[in-house]
Amino acid sequence: QVQLVESGGGLVQAGGSLTLSCGQSGSSFRLNVMGWYRQAPGKQRELVATITRDGTTNYADSVKGRFTISRDNVKNFVFLQMNSLKPEDTAVYYCNADRWDYRGYDYWGQGTQVTVSS
């Protein structure tokens, strides 16, 4: 079982920056694709960014040029550097991953709140 734990959320003014982190707790499975998703009140959960083990990235159009995803394969951590934050980035951000040896089954973190004030 993979337990993902996020940290780094908070309240920031528009134009500010935050960095989210996510790592495994209590296990050290080799992870395949890792990513970040978000869910705003009254909206569906949406993709923010993903990164493969070899570093290939994918971003939602709404965050391209402002957010950067990265990972540490040794420590099984994934990071999301968020710059030029906008009020519409306000959401609960969830970490996501699947296992290298058991692909396609998604594991999720508990979520961390990001609030951007105008």
C-alpha atoms as a PDB file:
ATOM      1  CA  GLN A   1       0.000   0.000   0.000  1.00  0.00           C
ATOM      2  CA  VAL A   2       1.256   3.481  -0.904  1.00  0.00           C
ATOM      3  CA  GLN A   3       0.432   6.279   1.503  1.00  0.00           C
ATOM      4  CA  LEU A   4       1.084   9.727   0.082  1.00  0.00           C
ATOM      5  CA  VAL A   5       1.410  12.766   2.313  1.00  0.00           C
ATOM      6  CA  GLU A   6       1.300  16.331   0.998  1.00  0.00           C
ATOM      7  CA  SER A   7       2.590  19.505   2.591  1.00  0.00           C
ATOM      8  CA  GLY A   8       3.169  23.121   1.693  1.00  0.00           C
ATOM      9  CA  GLY A   9      -0.298  24.494   1.149  1.00  0.00           C
ATOM     10  CA  GLY A  10      -1.486  27.751   2.637  1.00  0.00           C
ATOM     11  CA  LEU A  11      -2.761  31.244   2.041  1.00  0.00           C
ATOM     12  CA  VAL A  12      -0.954  33.535  -0.374  1.00  0.00           C
ATOM     13  CA  GLN A  13      -1.721  36.783  -2.161  1.00  0.00           C
ATOM     14  CA  ALA A  14      -2.227  36.882  -5.903  1.00  0.00           C
ATOM     15  CA  GLY A  15       1.115  36.981  -7.666  1.00  0.00           C
ATOM     16  CA  GLY A  16       2.805  35.050  -4.887  1.00  0.00           C
ATOM     17  CA  SER A  17       4.427  31.633  -4.819  1.00  0.00           C
ATOM     18  CA  LEU A  18       4.049  28.346  -2.987  1.00  0.00           C
ATOM     19  CA  THR A  19       5.798  25.000  -3.202  1.00  0.00           C
ATOM     20  CA  LEU A  20       3.932  21.777  -2.543  1.00  0.00           C
ATOM     21  CA  SER A  21       5.686  18.553  -1.577  1.00  0.00           C
ATOM     22  CA  CYS A  22       4.472  14.978  -1.513  1.00  0.00           C
ATOM     23  CA  GLY A  23       6.185  11.809  -0.383  1.00  0.00           C
ATOM     24  CA  GLN A  24       5.503   8.282   0.758  1.00  0.00           C
ATOM     25  CA  SER A  25       4.824   7.611   4.399  1.00  0.00           C
ATOM     26  CA  GLY A  26       5.652   4.208   5.851  1.00  0.00           C
ATOM     27  CA  SER A  27       6.718   2.618   2.569  1.00  0.00           C
ATOM     28  CA  SER A  28       9.291   2.941  -0.179  1.00  0.00           C
ATOM     29  CA  PHE A  29       7.715   1.530  -3.298  1.00  0.00           C
ATOM     30  CA  ARG A  30       9.295   2.492  -6.602  1.00  0.00           C
ATOM     31  CA  LEU A  31       6.796   4.885  -8.143  1.00  0.00           C
ATOM     32  CA  ASN A  32       5.891   5.299 -11.805  1.00  0.00           C
ATOM     33  CA  VAL A  33       4.002   8.452 -12.815  1.00  0.00           C
ATOM     34  CA  MET A  34       3.526  11.069 -10.099  1.00  0.00           C
ATOM     35  CA  GLY A  35       1.343  14.102 -10.351  1.00  0.00           C
ATOM     36  CA  TRP A  36      -0.773  16.821  -8.881  1.00  0.00           C
ATOM     37  CA  TYR A  37      -4.502  17.333  -9.271  1.00  0.00           C
ATOM     38  CA  ARG A  38      -6.772  19.963  -7.773  1.00  0.00           C
ATOM     39  CA  GLN A  39     -10.402  20.383  -6.900  1.00  0.00           C
ATOM     40  CA  ALA A  40     -12.071  23.730  -6.364  1.00  0.00           C
ATOM     41  CA  PRO A  41     -15.406  24.042  -4.525  1.00  0.00           C
ATOM     42  CA  GLY A  42     -18.261  22.893  -6.734  1.00  0.00           C
ATOM     43  CA  LYS A  43     -15.933  21.677  -9.483  1.00  0.00           C
ATOM     44  CA  GLN A  44     -14.546  18.347 -10.574  1.00  0.00           C
ATOM     45  CA  ARG A  45     -11.024  17.276  -9.764  1.00  0.00           C
ATOM     46  CA  GLU A  46      -8.681  18.279 -12.589  1.00  0.00           C
ATOM     47  CA  LEU A  47      -5.161  17.538 -13.702  1.00  0.00           C
ATOM     48  CA  VAL A  48      -2.523  20.115 -12.827  1.00  0.00           C
ATOM     49  CA  ALA A  49       0.709  18.375 -13.831  1.00  0.00           C
ATOM     50  CA  THR A  50       2.305  14.946 -14.091  1.00  0.00           C
ATOM     51  CA  ILE A  51       5.859  13.692 -14.336  1.00  0.00           C
ATOM     52  CA  THR A  52       7.166  10.300 -15.352  1.00  0.00           C
ATOM     53  CA  ARG A  53      10.085   8.564 -13.762  1.00  0.00           C
ATOM     54  CA  ASP A  54      12.390   9.720 -16.569  1.00  0.00           C
ATOM     55  CA  GLY A  55      11.274  13.323 -16.118  1.00  0.00           C
ATOM     56  CA  THR A  56       8.742  13.771 -18.901  1.00  0.00           C
ATOM     57  CA  THR A  57       6.219  16.392 -17.805  1.00  0.00           C
ATOM     58  CA  ASN A  58       2.683  17.312 -18.731  1.00  0.00           C
ATOM     59  CA  TYR A  59       0.821  20.445 -17.634  1.00  0.00           C
ATOM     60  CA  ALA A  60      -2.697  21.751 -17.774  1.00  0.00           C
ATOM     61  CA  ASP A  61      -2.906  24.742 -20.114  1.00  0.00           C
ATOM     62  CA  SER A  62      -4.047  26.932 -17.236  1.00  0.00           C
ATOM     63  CA  VAL A  63      -0.762  26.503 -15.340  1.00  0.00           C
ATOM     64  CA  LYS A  64       1.796  26.313 -18.145  1.00  0.00           C
ATOM     65  CA  GLY A  65       4.581  28.807 -17.632  1.00  0.00           C
ATOM     66  CA  ARG A  66       3.644  29.379 -13.988  1.00  0.00           C
ATOM     67  CA  PHE A  67       3.913  25.955 -12.326  1.00  0.00           C
ATOM     68  CA  THR A  68       6.837  23.524 -12.396  1.00  0.00           C
ATOM     69  CA  ILE A  69       6.648  19.878 -11.375  1.00  0.00           C
ATOM     70  CA  SER A  70       9.744  17.940 -10.340  1.00  0.00           C
ATOM     71  CA  ARG A  71      10.564  14.739  -8.506  1.00  0.00           C
ATOM     72  CA  ASP A  72      13.246  12.988  -6.503  1.00  0.00           C
ATOM     73  CA  ASN A  73      13.324   9.332  -7.547  1.00  0.00           C
ATOM     74  CA  VAL A  74      15.605   8.291  -4.695  1.00  0.00           C
ATOM     75  CA  LYS A  75      13.361   9.675  -1.977  1.00  0.00           C
ATOM     76  CA  ASN A  76      10.115   9.160  -3.935  1.00  0.00           C
ATOM     77  CA  PHE A  77       9.055  12.776  -3.592  1.00  0.00           C
ATOM     78  CA  VAL A  78       7.230  15.003  -6.041  1.00  0.00           C
ATOM     79  CA  PHE A  79       7.154  18.791  -5.881  1.00  0.00           C
ATOM     80  CA  LEU A  80       5.031  21.517  -7.403  1.00  0.00           C
ATOM     81  CA  GLN A  81       6.525  24.994  -7.582  1.00  0.00           C
ATOM     82  CA  MET A  82       3.678  27.454  -8.124  1.00  0.00           C
ATOM     83  CA  ASN A  83       4.498  31.004  -9.200  1.00  0.00           C
ATOM     84  CA  SER A  84       2.342  33.952 -10.245  1.00  0.00           C
ATOM     85  CA  LEU A  85      -0.580  32.469  -8.378  1.00  0.00           C
ATOM     86  CA  LYS A  86      -4.088  33.618  -9.252  1.00  0.00           C
ATOM     87  CA  PRO A  87      -7.327  33.491  -7.240  1.00  0.00           C
ATOM     88  CA  GLU A  88      -8.588  30.840  -9.658  1.00  0.00           C
ATOM     89  CA  ASP A  89      -5.769  28.549  -8.489  1.00  0.00           C
ATOM     90  CA  THR A  90      -7.569  28.265  -5.146  1.00  0.00           C
ATOM     91  CA  ALA A  91      -8.353  24.588  -4.564  1.00  0.00           C
ATOM     92  CA  VAL A  92      -7.453  21.495  -2.616  1.00  0.00           C
ATOM     93  CA  TYR A  93      -4.365  20.024  -4.255  1.00  0.00           C
ATOM     94  CA  TYR A  94      -3.958  16.253  -4.307  1.00  0.00           C
ATOM     95  CA  CYS A  95      -0.835  14.219  -4.910  1.00  0.00           C
ATOM     96  CA  ASN A  96      -1.219  11.163  -7.127  1.00  0.00           C
ATOM     97  CA  ALA A  97       1.027   8.240  -8.030  1.00  0.00           C
ATOM     98  CA  ASP A  98       1.029   4.684  -9.264  1.00  0.00           C
ATOM     99  CA  ARG A  99       3.525   1.950  -8.525  1.00  0.00           C
ATOM    100  CA  TRP A 100       6.247   0.927 -10.967  1.00  0.00           C
ATOM    101  CA  ASP A 101       5.450  -2.738 -10.391  1.00  0.00           C
ATOM    102  CA  TYR A 102       1.663  -2.350 -10.343  1.00  0.00           C
ATOM    103  CA  ARG A 103       0.785   0.335 -12.845  1.00  0.00           C
ATOM    104  CA  GLY A 104      -2.597   1.870 -13.379  1.00  0.00           C
ATOM    105  CA  TYR A 105      -3.826   1.707  -9.813  1.00  0.00           C
ATOM    106  CA  ASP A 106      -3.862   5.269  -8.500  1.00  0.00           C
ATOM    107  CA  TYR A 107      -2.914   6.259  -4.988  1.00  0.00           C
ATOM    108  CA  TRP A 108      -3.959   9.638  -3.605  1.00  0.00           C
ATOM    109  CA  GLY A 109      -2.852  11.885  -0.800  1.00  0.00           C
ATOM    110  CA  GLN A 110      -5.263  13.502   1.612  1.00  0.00           C
ATOM    111  CA  GLY A 111      -5.007  16.896  -0.069  1.00  0.00           C
ATOM    112  CA  THR A 112      -3.616  20.268   0.935  1.00  0.00           C
ATOM    113  CA  GLN A 113      -5.507  23.548   0.704  1.00  0.00           C
ATOM    114  CA  VAL A 114      -4.140  26.371  -1.425  1.00  0.00           C
ATOM    115  CA  THR A 115      -5.943  29.687  -1.133  1.00  0.00           C
ATOM    116  CA  VAL A 116      -4.988  32.684  -3.260  1.00  0.00           C
ATOM    117  CA  SER A 117      -6.442  36.011  -2.202  1.00  0.00           C
ATOM    118  CA  SER A 118      -7.012  38.851  -4.633  1.00  0.00           C
END
